[in-house]
Amino acid sequence: MIQIQLTGRKFEIDNELKKYINRKLGSLDKYLPRSHRNQGMTVEIFKDPSGKEDNRYKIVAVLKVQGPDIVAETATINPHSAVDIAEQKLKIQIRKYKEKHQPKKIRIKDFFDKFTSQ
């Protein structure tokens, strides 16, 4: 479970939303490589008065990993749907991060084919 630091600007985060964020975003560490886990996450939710009516709540989630941090930003009318969208964005970025930072697997068949063809 990722340790999440929640902050709210111009918005009071209730217990229901805290539990929802911990359930949705706290379980993203299972997608990270084991050596890159337990780095932490900061989530900032704020009411955007300058935004359009349909972009009332803005969320910024920053997942701290080795190398550059993974950031997801979104704005919607509902804070719960903003968390869902941020979760999907983070999953996509974690998948790319994992492909880039995980060592390539060597297939045993290819390894033996290399020596038998000589």
PDB file of N, CA and C in Angstrom:
ATOM      1  N   MET A   1       0.842  -1.177   0.000  1.00  0.00           N
ATOM      2  CA  MET A   1       0.000   0.000   0.000  1.00  0.00           C
ATOM      3  C   MET A   1       0.892   1.246   0.000  1.00  0.00           C
ATOM      4  N   ILE A   2       0.626   2.144  -0.880  1.00  0.00           N
ATOM      5  CA  ILE A   2       1.385   3.370  -0.997  1.00  0.00           C
ATOM      6  C   ILE A   2       0.944   4.348   0.098  1.00  0.00           C
ATOM      7  N   GLN A   3       1.919   5.008   0.715  1.00  0.00           N
ATOM      8  CA  GLN A   3       1.601   6.051   1.685  1.00  0.00           C
ATOM      9  C   GLN A   3       1.196   7.307   0.915  1.00  0.00           C
ATOM     10  N   ILE A   4      -0.027   7.770   1.155  1.00  0.00           N
ATOM     11  CA  ILE A   4      -0.571   8.903   0.416  1.00  0.00           C
ATOM     12  C   ILE A   4      -0.672  10.108   1.345  1.00  0.00           C
ATOM     13  N   GLN A   5      -0.146  11.231   0.879  1.00  0.00           N
ATOM     14  CA  GLN A   5      -0.260  12.491   1.607  1.00  0.00           C
ATOM     15  C   GLN A   5      -1.326  13.326   0.903  1.00  0.00           C
ATOM     16  N   LEU A   6      -2.463  13.539   1.568  1.00  0.00           N
ATOM     17  CA  LEU A   6      -3.589  14.270   0.994  1.00  0.00           C
ATOM     18  C   LEU A   6      -3.569  15.724   1.433  1.00  0.00           C
ATOM     19  N   THR A   7      -3.819  16.606   0.487  1.00  0.00           N
ATOM     20  CA  THR A   7      -3.991  18.015   0.810  1.00  0.00           C
ATOM     21  C   THR A   7      -5.176  18.550   0.019  1.00  0.00           C
ATOM     22  N   GLY A   8      -5.871  19.470   0.604  1.00  0.00           N
ATOM     23  CA  GLY A   8      -7.012  20.091  -0.061  1.00  0.00           C
ATOM     24  C   GLY A   8      -6.885  21.606  -0.002  1.00  0.00           C
ATOM     25  N   ARG A   9      -7.066  22.243  -1.128  1.00  0.00           N
ATOM     26  CA  ARG A   9      -7.045  23.706  -1.182  1.00  0.00           C
ATOM     27  C   ARG A   9      -8.448  24.183  -1.538  1.00  0.00           C
ATOM     28  N   LYS A  10      -8.969  25.037  -0.709  1.00  0.00           N
ATOM     29  CA  LYS A  10     -10.323  25.570  -0.882  1.00  0.00           C
ATOM     30  C   LYS A  10     -11.356  24.441  -0.939  1.00  0.00           C
ATOM     31  N   PHE A  11     -11.017  23.320  -0.294  1.00  0.00           N
ATOM     32  CA  PHE A  11     -11.880  22.144  -0.341  1.00  0.00           C
ATOM     33  C   PHE A  11     -11.587  21.297   0.893  1.00  0.00           C
ATOM     34  N   GLU A  12     -12.632  20.933   1.602  1.00  0.00           N
ATOM     35  CA  GLU A  12     -12.504  20.085   2.782  1.00  0.00           C
ATOM     36  C   GLU A  12     -12.668  18.628   2.361  1.00  0.00           C
ATOM     37  N   ILE A  13     -11.648  17.813   2.617  1.00  0.00           N
ATOM     38  CA  ILE A  13     -11.685  16.393   2.235  1.00  0.00           C
ATOM     39  C   ILE A  13     -12.341  15.620   3.367  1.00  0.00           C
ATOM     40  N   ASP A  14     -13.490  14.992   3.072  1.00  0.00           N
ATOM     41  CA  ASP A  14     -14.190  14.229   4.099  1.00  0.00           C
ATOM     42  C   ASP A  14     -13.629  12.808   4.173  1.00  0.00           C
ATOM     43  N   ASN A  15     -14.064  12.055   5.195  1.00  0.00           N
ATOM     44  CA  ASN A  15     -13.549  10.703   5.425  1.00  0.00           C
ATOM     45  C   ASN A  15     -13.889   9.753   4.282  1.00  0.00           C
ATOM     46  N   GLU A  16     -15.065   9.917   3.698  1.00  0.00           N
ATOM     47  CA  GLU A  16     -15.470   9.044   2.594  1.00  0.00           C
ATOM     48  C   GLU A  16     -14.529   9.207   1.398  1.00  0.00           C
ATOM     49  N   LEU A  17     -14.183  10.437   1.072  1.00  0.00           N
ATOM     50  CA  LEU A  17     -13.268  10.695  -0.045  1.00  0.00           C
ATOM     51  C   LEU A  17     -11.858  10.203   0.282  1.00  0.00           C
ATOM     52  N   LYS A  18     -11.422  10.347   1.526  1.00  0.00           N
ATOM     53  CA  LYS A  18     -10.107   9.840   1.933  1.00  0.00           C
ATOM     54  C   LYS A  18     -10.025   8.330   1.753  1.00  0.00           C
ATOM     55  N   LYS A  19     -11.061   7.638   2.193  1.00  0.00           N
ATOM     56  CA  LYS A  19     -11.093   6.175   2.035  1.00  0.00           C
ATOM     57  C   LYS A  19     -11.099   5.783   0.562  1.00  0.00           C
ATOM     58  N   TYR A  20     -11.847   6.529  -0.244  1.00  0.00           N
ATOM     59  CA  TYR A  20     -11.932   6.245  -1.674  1.00  0.00           C
ATOM     60  C   TYR A  20     -10.576   6.439  -2.351  1.00  0.00           C
ATOM     61  N   ILE A  21      -9.884   7.517  -2.000  1.00  0.00           N
ATOM     62  CA  ILE A  21      -8.563   7.782  -2.582  1.00  0.00           C
ATOM     63  C   ILE A  21      -7.571   6.715  -2.146  1.00  0.00           C
ATOM     64  N   ASN A  22      -7.584   6.341  -0.879  1.00  0.00           N
ATOM     65  CA  ASN A  22      -6.670   5.305  -0.405  1.00  0.00           C
ATOM     66  C   ASN A  22      -6.935   3.965  -1.074  1.00  0.00           C
ATOM     67  N   ARG A  23      -8.206   3.657  -1.320  1.00  0.00           N
ATOM     68  CA  ARG A  23      -8.541   2.382  -1.960  1.00  0.00           C
ATOM     69  C   ARG A  23      -8.129   2.373  -3.431  1.00  0.00           C
ATOM     70  N   LYS A  24      -8.394   3.469  -4.132  1.00  0.00           N
ATOM     71  CA  LYS A  24      -8.129   3.504  -5.571  1.00  0.00           C
ATOM     72  C   LYS A  24      -6.648   3.736  -5.887  1.00  0.00           C
ATOM     73  N   LEU A  25      -6.058   4.753  -5.276  1.00  0.00           N
ATOM     74  CA  LEU A  25      -4.681   5.117  -5.609  1.00  0.00           C
ATOM     75  C   LEU A  25      -3.656   4.397  -4.742  1.00  0.00           C
ATOM     76  N   GLY A  26      -4.049   3.934  -3.583  1.00  0.00           N
ATOM     77  CA  GLY A  26      -3.120   3.247  -2.697  1.00  0.00           C
ATOM     78  C   GLY A  26      -2.718   1.875  -3.190  1.00  0.00           C
ATOM     79  N   SER A  27      -3.511   1.289  -4.048  1.00  0.00           N
ATOM     80  CA  SER A  27      -3.211  -0.058  -4.542  1.00  0.00           C
ATOM     81  C   SER A  27      -2.423  -0.044  -5.848  1.00  0.00           C
ATOM     82  N   LEU A  28      -1.939   1.108  -6.281  1.00  0.00           N
ATOM     83  CA  LEU A  28      -1.188   1.176  -7.540  1.00  0.00           C
ATOM     84  C   LEU A  28       0.222   0.618  -7.423  1.00  0.00           C
ATOM     85  N   ASP A  29       0.700   0.379  -6.204  1.00  0.00           N
ATOM     86  CA  ASP A  29       2.062  -0.125  -6.058  1.00  0.00           C
ATOM     87  C   ASP A  29       2.208  -1.545  -6.586  1.00  0.00           C
ATOM     88  N   LYS A  30       1.115  -2.269  -6.738  1.00  0.00           N
ATOM     89  CA  LYS A  30       1.224  -3.625  -7.281  1.00  0.00           C
ATOM     90  C   LYS A  30       1.616  -3.614  -8.758  1.00  0.00           C
ATOM     91  N   TYR A  31       1.471  -2.478  -9.427  1.00  0.00           N
ATOM     92  CA  TYR A  31       1.855  -2.375 -10.831  1.00  0.00           C
ATOM     93  C   TYR A  31       3.316  -1.965 -11.003  1.00  0.00           C
ATOM     94  N   LEU A  32       3.933  -1.467  -9.934  1.00  0.00           N
ATOM     95  CA  LEU A  32       5.332  -1.047  -9.996  1.00  0.00           C
ATOM     96  C   LEU A  32       6.266  -2.239  -9.804  1.00  0.00           C
ATOM     97  N   PRO A  33       7.479  -2.178 -10.361  1.00  0.00           N
ATOM     98  CA  PRO A  33       8.464  -3.228 -10.057  1.00  0.00           C
ATOM     99  C   PRO A  33       8.770  -3.229  -8.556  1.00  0.00           C
ATOM    100  N   ARG A  34       9.096  -4.386  -8.022  1.00  0.00           N
ATOM    101  CA  ARG A  34       9.285  -4.507  -6.573  1.00  0.00           C
ATOM    102  C   ARG A  34      10.400  -3.623  -6.045  1.00  0.00           C
ATOM    103  N   SER A  35      11.431  -3.422  -6.838  1.00  0.00           N
ATOM    104  CA  SER A  35      12.546  -2.610  -6.367  1.00  0.00           C
ATOM    105  C   SER A  35      12.211  -1.118  -6.349  1.00  0.00           C
ATOM    106  N   HIS A  36      11.104  -0.721  -6.947  1.00  0.00           N
ATOM    107  CA  HIS A  36      10.738   0.698  -7.053  1.00  0.00           C
ATOM    108  C   HIS A  36       9.531   1.057  -6.181  1.00  0.00           C
ATOM    109  N   ARG A  37       9.127   0.178  -5.298  1.00  0.00           N
ATOM    110  CA  ARG A  37       7.941   0.430  -4.475  1.00  0.00           C
ATOM    111  C   ARG A  37       8.282   1.244  -3.233  1.00  0.00           C
ATOM    112  N   ASN A  38       7.233   1.608  -2.512  1.00  0.00           N
ATOM    113  CA  ASN A  38       7.313   2.318  -1.224  1.00  0.00           C
ATOM    114  C   ASN A  38       8.006   3.670  -1.330  1.00  0.00           C
ATOM    115  N   GLN A  39       7.758   4.397  -2.375  1.00  0.00           N
ATOM    116  CA  GLN A  39       8.337   5.720  -2.519  1.00  0.00           C
ATOM    117  C   GLN A  39       7.394   6.803  -1.988  1.00  0.00           C
ATOM    118  N   GLY A  40       6.088   6.619  -2.104  1.00  0.00           N
ATOM    119  CA  GLY A  40       5.118   7.579  -1.604  1.00  0.00           C
ATOM    120  C   GLY A  40       4.385   8.303  -2.723  1.00  0.00           C
ATOM    121  N   MET A  41       3.306   8.985  -2.342  1.00  0.00           N
ATOM    122  CA  MET A  41       2.469   9.708  -3.297  1.00  0.00           C
ATOM    123  C   MET A  41       1.872  10.923  -2.613  1.00  0.00           C
ATOM    124  N   THR A  42       1.765  12.005  -3.366  1.00  0.00           N
ATOM    125  CA  THR A  42       1.058  13.181  -2.871  1.00  0.00           C
ATOM    126  C   THR A  42      -0.140  13.435  -3.768  1.00  0.00           C
ATOM    127  N   VAL A  43      -1.269  13.695  -3.151  1.00  0.00           N
ATOM    128  CA  VAL A  43      -2.506  13.973  -3.882  1.00  0.00           C
ATOM    129  C   VAL A  43      -3.035  15.307  -3.394  1.00  0.00           C
ATOM    130  N   GLU A  44      -3.285  16.201  -4.340  1.00  0.00           N
ATOM    131  CA  GLU A  44      -3.806  17.522  -4.003  1.00  0.00           C
ATOM    132  C   GLU A  44      -5.131  17.719  -4.737  1.00  0.00           C
ATOM    133  N   ILE A  45      -6.157  18.037  -3.968  1.00  0.00           N
ATOM    134  CA  ILE A  45      -7.484  18.278  -4.537  1.00  0.00           C
ATOM    135  C   ILE A  45      -7.864  19.719  -4.220  1.00  0.00           C
ATOM    136  N   PHE A  46      -8.350  20.416  -5.226  1.00  0.00           N
ATOM    137  CA  PHE A  46      -8.813  21.764  -4.947  1.00  0.00           C
ATOM    138  C   PHE A  46      -9.963  22.140  -5.850  1.00  0.00           C
ATOM    139  N   LYS A  47     -10.770  23.051  -5.321  1.00  0.00           N
ATOM    140  CA  LYS A  47     -11.880  23.607  -6.068  1.00  0.00           C
ATOM    141  C   LYS A  47     -11.331  24.717  -6.927  1.00  0.00           C
ATOM    142  N   ASP A  48     -11.609  24.658  -8.214  1.00  0.00           N
ATOM    143  CA  ASP A  48     -11.069  25.633  -9.153  1.00  0.00           C
ATOM    144  C   ASP A  48     -12.160  26.639  -9.500  1.00  0.00           C
ATOM    145  N   PRO A  49     -12.140  27.813  -8.876  1.00  0.00           N
ATOM    146  CA  PRO A  49     -13.198  28.785  -9.159  1.00  0.00           C
ATOM    147  C   PRO A  49     -13.076  29.409 -10.543  1.00  0.00           C
ATOM    148  N   SER A  50     -11.884  29.407 -11.109  1.00  0.00           N
ATOM    149  CA  SER A  50     -11.712  30.014 -12.428  1.00  0.00           C
ATOM    150  C   SER A  50     -12.060  29.060 -13.558  1.00  0.00           C
ATOM    151  N   GLY A  51     -12.207  27.766 -13.250  1.00  0.00           N
ATOM    152  CA  GLY A  51     -12.516  26.783 -14.286  1.00  0.00           C
ATOM    153  C   GLY A  51     -13.957  26.868 -14.731  1.00  0.00           C
ATOM    154  N   LYS A  52     -14.247  26.133 -15.783  1.00  0.00           N
ATOM    155  CA  LYS A  52     -15.632  26.078 -16.263  1.00  0.00           C
ATOM    156  C   LYS A  52     -16.488  25.349 -15.237  1.00  0.00           C
ATOM    157  N   GLU A  53     -17.784  25.394 -15.432  1.00  0.00           N
ATOM    158  CA  GLU A  53     -18.680  24.735 -14.486  1.00  0.00           C
ATOM    159  C   GLU A  53     -18.488  23.228 -14.469  1.00  0.00           C
ATOM    160  N   ASP A  54     -18.126  22.624 -15.610  1.00  0.00           N
ATOM    161  CA  ASP A  54     -17.955  21.178 -15.639  1.00  0.00           C
ATOM    162  C   ASP A  54     -16.571  20.746 -15.154  1.00  0.00           C
ATOM    163  N   ASN A  55     -15.645  21.674 -14.931  1.00  0.00           N
ATOM    164  CA  ASN A  55     -14.333  21.369 -14.383  1.00  0.00           C
ATOM    165  C   ASN A  55     -14.177  22.024 -13.018  1.00  0.00           C
ATOM    166  N   ARG A  56     -15.042  21.631 -12.104  1.00  0.00           N
ATOM    167  CA  ARG A  56     -15.093  22.279 -10.805  1.00  0.00           C
ATOM    168  C   ARG A  56     -14.003  21.799  -9.853  1.00  0.00           C
ATOM    169  N   TYR A  57     -13.703  20.493  -9.853  1.00  0.00           N
ATOM    170  CA  TYR A  57     -12.717  19.916  -8.942  1.00  0.00           C
ATOM    171  C   TYR A  57     -11.498  19.465  -9.732  1.00  0.00           C
ATOM    172  N   LYS A  58     -10.323  19.886  -9.278  1.00  0.00           N
ATOM    173  CA  LYS A  58      -9.086  19.526  -9.944  1.00  0.00           C
ATOM    174  C   LYS A  58      -8.259  18.669  -8.998  1.00  0.00           C
ATOM    175  N   ILE A  59      -7.643  17.622  -9.538  1.00  0.00           N
ATOM    176  CA  ILE A  59      -6.810  16.737  -8.738  1.00  0.00           C
ATOM    177  C   ILE A  59      -5.449  16.613  -9.412  1.00  0.00           C
ATOM    178  N   VAL A  60      -4.405  16.656  -8.594  1.00  0.00           N
ATOM    179  CA  VAL A  60      -3.036  16.464  -9.062  1.00  0.00           C
ATOM    180  C   VAL A  60      -2.437  15.358  -8.207  1.00  0.00           C
ATOM    181  N   ALA A  61      -2.083  14.232  -8.834  1.00  0.00           N
ATOM    182  CA  ALA A  61      -1.486  13.093  -8.136  1.00  0.00           C
ATOM    183  C   ALA A  61      -0.053  12.925  -8.618  1.00  0.00           C
ATOM    184  N   VAL A  62       0.884  12.904  -7.673  1.00  0.00           N
ATOM    185  CA  VAL A  62       2.308  12.762  -7.993  1.00  0.00           C
ATOM    186  C   VAL A  62       2.824  11.509  -7.299  1.00  0.00           C
ATOM    187  N   LEU A  63       3.220  10.526  -8.098  1.00  0.00           N
ATOM    188  CA  LEU A  63       3.777   9.279  -7.586  1.00  0.00           C
ATOM    189  C   LEU A  63       5.289   9.383  -7.626  1.00  0.00           C
ATOM    190  N   LYS A  64       5.910   9.264  -6.471  1.00  0.00           N
ATOM    191  CA  LYS A  64       7.361   9.397  -6.384  1.00  0.00           C
ATOM    192  C   LYS A  64       8.004   8.045  -6.679  1.00  0.00           C
ATOM    193  N   VAL A  65       8.836   8.001  -7.717  1.00  0.00           N
ATOM    194  CA  VAL A  65       9.574   6.803  -8.092  1.00  0.00           C
ATOM    195  C   VAL A  65      11.022   7.193  -8.362  1.00  0.00           C
ATOM    196  N   GLN A  66      11.864   6.207  -8.563  1.00  0.00           N
ATOM    197  CA  GLN A  66      13.248   6.498  -8.910  1.00  0.00           C
ATOM    198  C   GLN A  66      13.272   7.120 -10.294  1.00  0.00           C
ATOM    199  N   GLY A  67      13.981   8.203 -10.430  1.00  0.00           N
ATOM    200  CA  GLY A  67      13.974   8.929 -11.691  1.00  0.00           C
ATOM    201  C   GLY A  67      12.908  10.006 -11.636  1.00  0.00           C
ATOM    202  N   PRO A  68      12.404  10.414 -12.788  1.00  0.00           N
ATOM    203  CA  PRO A  68      11.364  11.454 -12.793  1.00  0.00           C
ATOM    204  C   PRO A  68      10.044  10.940 -12.198  1.00  0.00           C
ATOM    205  N   ASP A  69       9.362  11.816 -11.466  1.00  0.00           N
ATOM    206  CA  ASP A  69       8.092  11.449 -10.843  1.00  0.00           C
ATOM    207  C   ASP A  69       7.010  11.259 -11.898  1.00  0.00           C
ATOM    208  N   ILE A  70       6.008  10.456 -11.537  1.00  0.00           N
ATOM    209  CA  ILE A  70       4.864  10.213 -12.420  1.00  0.00           C
ATOM    210  C   ILE A  70       3.735  11.122 -11.952  1.00  0.00           C
ATOM    211  N   VAL A  71       3.222  11.960 -12.862  1.00  0.00           N
ATOM    212  CA  VAL A  71       2.232  12.973 -12.513  1.00  0.00           C
ATOM    213  C   VAL A  71       0.969  12.773 -13.345  1.00  0.00           C
ATOM    214  N   ALA A  72      -0.188  12.886 -12.682  1.00  0.00           N
ATOM    215  CA  ALA A  72      -1.476  12.845 -13.371  1.00  0.00           C
ATOM    216  C   ALA A  72      -2.321  14.008 -12.882  1.00  0.00           C
ATOM    217  N   GLU A  73      -2.857  14.781 -13.828  1.00  0.00           N
ATOM    218  CA  GLU A  73      -3.734  15.915 -13.512  1.00  0.00           C
ATOM    219  C   GLU A  73      -5.044  15.745 -14.259  1.00  0.00           C
ATOM    220  N   THR A  74      -6.118  16.081 -13.587  1.00  0.00           N
ATOM    221  CA  THR A  74      -7.421  16.049 -14.244  1.00  0.00           C
ATOM    222  C   THR A  74      -8.381  16.970 -13.506  1.00  0.00           C
ATOM    223  N   ALA A  75      -9.426  17.389 -14.197  1.00  0.00           N
ATOM    224  CA  ALA A  75     -10.454  18.248 -13.612  1.00  0.00           C
ATOM    225  C   ALA A  75     -11.824  17.777 -14.099  1.00  0.00           C
ATOM    226  N   THR A  76     -12.747  17.582 -13.173  1.00  0.00           N
ATOM    227  CA  THR A  76     -14.110  17.163 -13.500  1.00  0.00           C
ATOM    228  C   THR A  76     -15.096  17.839 -12.560  1.00  0.00           C
ATOM    229  N   ILE A  77     -16.353  17.497 -12.742  1.00  0.00           N
ATOM    230  CA  ILE A  77     -17.408  18.080 -11.927  1.00  0.00           C
ATOM    231  C   ILE A  77     -17.521  17.383 -10.568  1.00  0.00           C
ATOM    232  N   ASN A  78     -17.006  16.152 -10.462  1.00  0.00           N
ATOM    233  CA  ASN A  78     -17.149  15.343  -9.259  1.00  0.00           C
ATOM    234  C   ASN A  78     -15.757  14.912  -8.781  1.00  0.00           C
ATOM    235  N   PRO A  79     -15.408  15.052  -7.496  1.00  0.00           N
ATOM    236  CA  PRO A  79     -14.071  14.651  -7.048  1.00  0.00           C
ATOM    237  C   PRO A  79     -13.823  13.146  -7.153  1.00  0.00           C
ATOM    238  N   HIS A  80     -14.873  12.336  -7.003  1.00  0.00           N
ATOM    239  CA  HIS A  80     -14.709  10.881  -7.119  1.00  0.00           C
ATOM    240  C   HIS A  80     -14.352  10.475  -8.545  1.00  0.00           C
ATOM    241  N   SER A  81     -14.984  11.099  -9.524  1.00  0.00           N
ATOM    242  CA  SER A  81     -14.648  10.769 -10.912  1.00  0.00           C
ATOM    243  C   SER A  81     -13.263  11.297 -11.273  1.00  0.00           C
ATOM    244  N   ALA A  82     -12.835  12.389 -10.647  1.00  0.00           N
ATOM    245  CA  ALA A  82     -11.481  12.894 -10.882  1.00  0.00           C
ATOM    246  C   ALA A  82     -10.447  11.891 -10.379  1.00  0.00           C
ATOM    247  N   VAL A  83     -10.728  11.244  -9.247  1.00  0.00           N
ATOM    248  CA  VAL A  83      -9.824  10.217  -8.724  1.00  0.00           C
ATOM    249  C   VAL A  83      -9.763   9.028  -9.678  1.00  0.00           C
ATOM    250  N   ASP A  84     -10.907   8.624 -10.217  1.00  0.00           N
ATOM    251  CA  ASP A  84     -10.930   7.505 -11.170  1.00  0.00           C
ATOM    252  C   ASP A  84     -10.112   7.803 -12.422  1.00  0.00           C
ATOM    253  N   ILE A  85     -10.258   8.993 -12.959  1.00  0.00           N
ATOM    254  CA  ILE A  85      -9.519   9.372 -14.165  1.00  0.00           C
ATOM    255  C   ILE A  85      -8.024   9.451 -13.866  1.00  0.00           C
ATOM    256  N   ALA A  86      -7.669  10.010 -12.718  1.00  0.00           N
ATOM    257  CA  ALA A  86      -6.254  10.092 -12.342  1.00  0.00           C
ATOM    258  C   ALA A  86      -5.657   8.700 -12.162  1.00  0.00           C
ATOM    259  N   GLU A  87      -6.450   7.768 -11.619  1.00  0.00           N
ATOM    260  CA  GLU A  87      -5.976   6.386 -11.461  1.00  0.00           C
ATOM    261  C   GLU A  87      -5.652   5.761 -12.810  1.00  0.00           C
ATOM    262  N   GLN A  88      -6.534   5.946 -13.788  1.00  0.00           N
ATOM    263  CA  GLN A  88      -6.294   5.384 -15.121  1.00  0.00           C
ATOM    264  C   GLN A  88      -5.066   6.018 -15.775  1.00  0.00           C
ATOM    265  N   LYS A  89      -4.893   7.320 -15.621  1.00  0.00           N
ATOM    266  CA  LYS A  89      -3.717   7.985 -16.185  1.00  0.00           C
ATOM    267  C   LYS A  89      -2.439   7.473 -15.535  1.00  0.00           C
ATOM    268  N   LEU A  90      -2.469   7.275 -14.225  1.00  0.00           N
ATOM    269  CA  LEU A  90      -1.291   6.763 -13.525  1.00  0.00           C
ATOM    270  C   LEU A  90      -0.970   5.333 -13.950  1.00  0.00           C
ATOM    271  N   LYS A  91      -1.993   4.500 -14.154  1.00  0.00           N
ATOM    272  CA  LYS A  91      -1.757   3.127 -14.600  1.00  0.00           C
ATOM    273  C   LYS A  91      -1.046   3.095 -15.951  1.00  0.00           C
ATOM    274  N   ILE A  92      -1.464   3.949 -16.865  1.00  0.00           N
ATOM    275  CA  ILE A  92      -0.836   4.000 -18.186  1.00  0.00           C
ATOM    276  C   ILE A  92       0.619   4.444 -18.065  1.00  0.00           C
ATOM    277  N   GLN A  93       0.863   5.459 -17.251  1.00  0.00           N
ATOM    278  CA  GLN A  93       2.227   5.948 -17.095  1.00  0.00           C
ATOM    279  C   GLN A  93       3.106   4.950 -16.347  1.00  0.00           C
ATOM    280  N   ILE A  94       2.542   4.210 -15.391  1.00  0.00           N
ATOM    281  CA  ILE A  94       3.305   3.179 -14.680  1.00  0.00           C
ATOM    282  C   ILE A  94       3.686   2.064 -15.640  1.00  0.00           C
ATOM    283  N   ARG A  95       2.789   1.697 -16.529  1.00  0.00           N
ATOM    284  CA  ARG A  95       3.088   0.654 -17.516  1.00  0.00           C
ATOM    285  C   ARG A  95       4.274   1.070 -18.389  1.00  0.00           C
ATOM    286  N   LYS A  96       4.285   2.315 -18.842  1.00  0.00           N
ATOM    287  CA  LYS A  96       5.408   2.816 -19.644  1.00  0.00           C
ATOM    288  C   LYS A  96       6.693   2.845 -18.819  1.00  0.00           C
ATOM    289  N   TYR A  97       6.593   3.271 -17.564  1.00  0.00           N
ATOM    290  CA  TYR A  97       7.757   3.323 -16.681  1.00  0.00           C
ATOM    291  C   TYR A  97       8.329   1.924 -16.469  1.00  0.00           C
ATOM    292  N   LYS A  98       7.448   0.962 -16.280  1.00  0.00           N
ATOM    293  CA  LYS A  98       7.873  -0.401 -16.026  1.00  0.00           C
ATOM    294  C   LYS A  98       8.571  -0.999 -17.243  1.00  0.00           C
ATOM    295  N   GLU A  99       8.033  -0.739 -18.444  1.00  0.00           N
ATOM    296  CA  GLU A  99       8.663  -1.235 -19.660  1.00  0.00           C
ATOM    297  C   GLU A  99      10.057  -0.638 -19.835  1.00  0.00           C
ATOM    298  N   LYS A 100      10.208   0.609 -19.447  1.00  0.00           N
ATOM    299  CA  LYS A 100      11.480   1.291 -19.637  1.00  0.00           C
ATOM    300  C   LYS A 100      12.532   0.870 -18.612  1.00  0.00           C
ATOM    301  N   HIS A 101      12.126   0.593 -17.362  1.00  0.00           N
ATOM    302  CA  HIS A 101      13.077   0.358 -16.285  1.00  0.00           C
ATOM    303  C   HIS A 101      13.249  -1.096 -15.882  1.00  0.00           C
ATOM    304  N   GLN A 102      12.487  -1.998 -16.444  1.00  0.00           N
ATOM    305  CA  GLN A 102      12.639  -3.396 -16.092  1.00  0.00           C
ATOM    306  C   GLN A 102      13.624  -4.056 -17.049  1.00  0.00           C
ATOM    307  N   PRO A 103      14.506  -4.928 -16.547  1.00  0.00           N
ATOM    308  CA  PRO A 103      15.451  -5.579 -17.457  1.00  0.00           C
ATOM    309  C   PRO A 103      14.727  -6.500 -18.430  1.00  0.00           C
ATOM    310  N   LYS A 104      15.308  -6.628 -19.607  1.00  0.00           N
ATOM    311  CA  LYS A 104      14.715  -7.488 -20.633  1.00  0.00           C
ATOM    312  C   LYS A 104      14.890  -8.946 -20.235  1.00  0.00           C
ATOM    313  N   LYS A 105      13.880  -9.751 -20.478  1.00  0.00           N
ATOM    314  CA  LYS A 105      13.952 -11.174 -20.181  1.00  0.00           C
ATOM    315  C   LYS A 105      14.583 -11.894 -21.361  1.00  0.00           C
ATOM    316  N   ILE A 106      15.446 -12.810 -21.060  1.00  0.00           N
ATOM    317  CA  ILE A 106      16.078 -13.623 -22.103  1.00  0.00           C
ATOM    318  C   ILE A 106      15.376 -14.972 -22.115  1.00  0.00           C
ATOM    319  N   ARG A 107      14.875 -15.325 -23.257  1.00  0.00           N
ATOM    320  CA  ARG A 107      14.226 -16.624 -23.381  1.00  0.00           C
ATOM    321  C   ARG A 107      15.287 -17.700 -23.490  1.00  0.00           C
ATOM    322  N   ILE A 108      15.111 -18.783 -22.778  1.00  0.00           N
ATOM    323  CA  ILE A 108      16.096 -19.855 -22.755  1.00  0.00           C
ATOM    324  C   ILE A 108      16.225 -20.498 -24.135  1.00  0.00           C
ATOM    325  N   LYS A 109      15.138 -20.633 -24.844  1.00  0.00           N
ATOM    326  CA  LYS A 109      15.171 -21.235 -26.170  1.00  0.00           C
ATOM    327  C   LYS A 109      16.062 -20.408 -27.098  1.00  0.00           C
ATOM    328  N   ASP A 110      15.903 -19.098 -27.082  1.00  0.00           N
ATOM    329  CA  ASP A 110      16.738 -18.234 -27.918  1.00  0.00           C
ATOM    330  C   ASP A 110      18.208 -18.325 -27.509  1.00  0.00           C
ATOM    331  N   PHE A 111      18.457 -18.467 -26.220  1.00  0.00           N
ATOM    332  CA  PHE A 111      19.820 -18.564 -25.729  1.00  0.00           C
ATOM    333  C   PHE A 111      20.489 -19.830 -26.262  1.00  0.00           C
ATOM    334  N   PHE A 112      19.786 -20.976 -26.221  1.00  0.00           N
ATOM    335  CA  PHE A 112      20.360 -22.221 -26.712  1.00  0.00           C
ATOM    336  C   PHE A 112      20.429 -22.266 -28.220  1.00  0.00           C
ATOM    337  N   ASP A 113      19.464 -21.627 -28.909  1.00  0.00           N
ATOM    338  CA  ASP A 113      19.505 -21.574 -30.374  1.00  0.00           C
ATOM    339  C   ASP A 113      20.736 -20.822 -30.861  1.00  0.00           C
ATOM    340  N   LYS A 114      21.173 -19.862 -30.114  1.00  0.00           N
ATOM    341  CA  LYS A 114      22.347 -19.079 -30.480  1.00  0.00           C
ATOM    342  C   LYS A 114      23.607 -19.969 -30.506  1.00  0.00           C
ATOM    343  N   PHE A 115      23.703 -20.919 -29.548  1.00  0.00           N
ATOM    344  CA  PHE A 115      24.879 -21.761 -29.475  1.00  0.00           C
ATOM    345  C   PHE A 115      24.796 -22.977 -30.402  1.00  0.00           C
ATOM    346  N   THR A 116      23.599 -23.479 -30.665  1.00  0.00           N
ATOM    347  CA  THR A 116      23.459 -24.653 -31.527  1.00  0.00           C
ATOM    348  C   THR A 116      23.591 -24.313 -32.995  1.00  0.00           C
ATOM    349  N   SER A 117      23.361 -23.060 -33.365  1.00  0.00           N
ATOM    350  CA  SER A 117      23.457 -22.691 -34.778  1.00  0.00           C
ATOM    351  C   SER A 117      24.893 -22.509 -35.222  1.00  0.00           C
ATOM    352  N   GLN A 118      25.833 -22.413 -34.305  1.00  0.00           N
ATOM    353  CA  GLN A 118      27.236 -22.207 -34.688  1.00  0.00           C
ATOM    354  C   GLN A 118      27.919 -23.455 -35.099  1.00  0.00           C
TER     355      GLN A 118
END
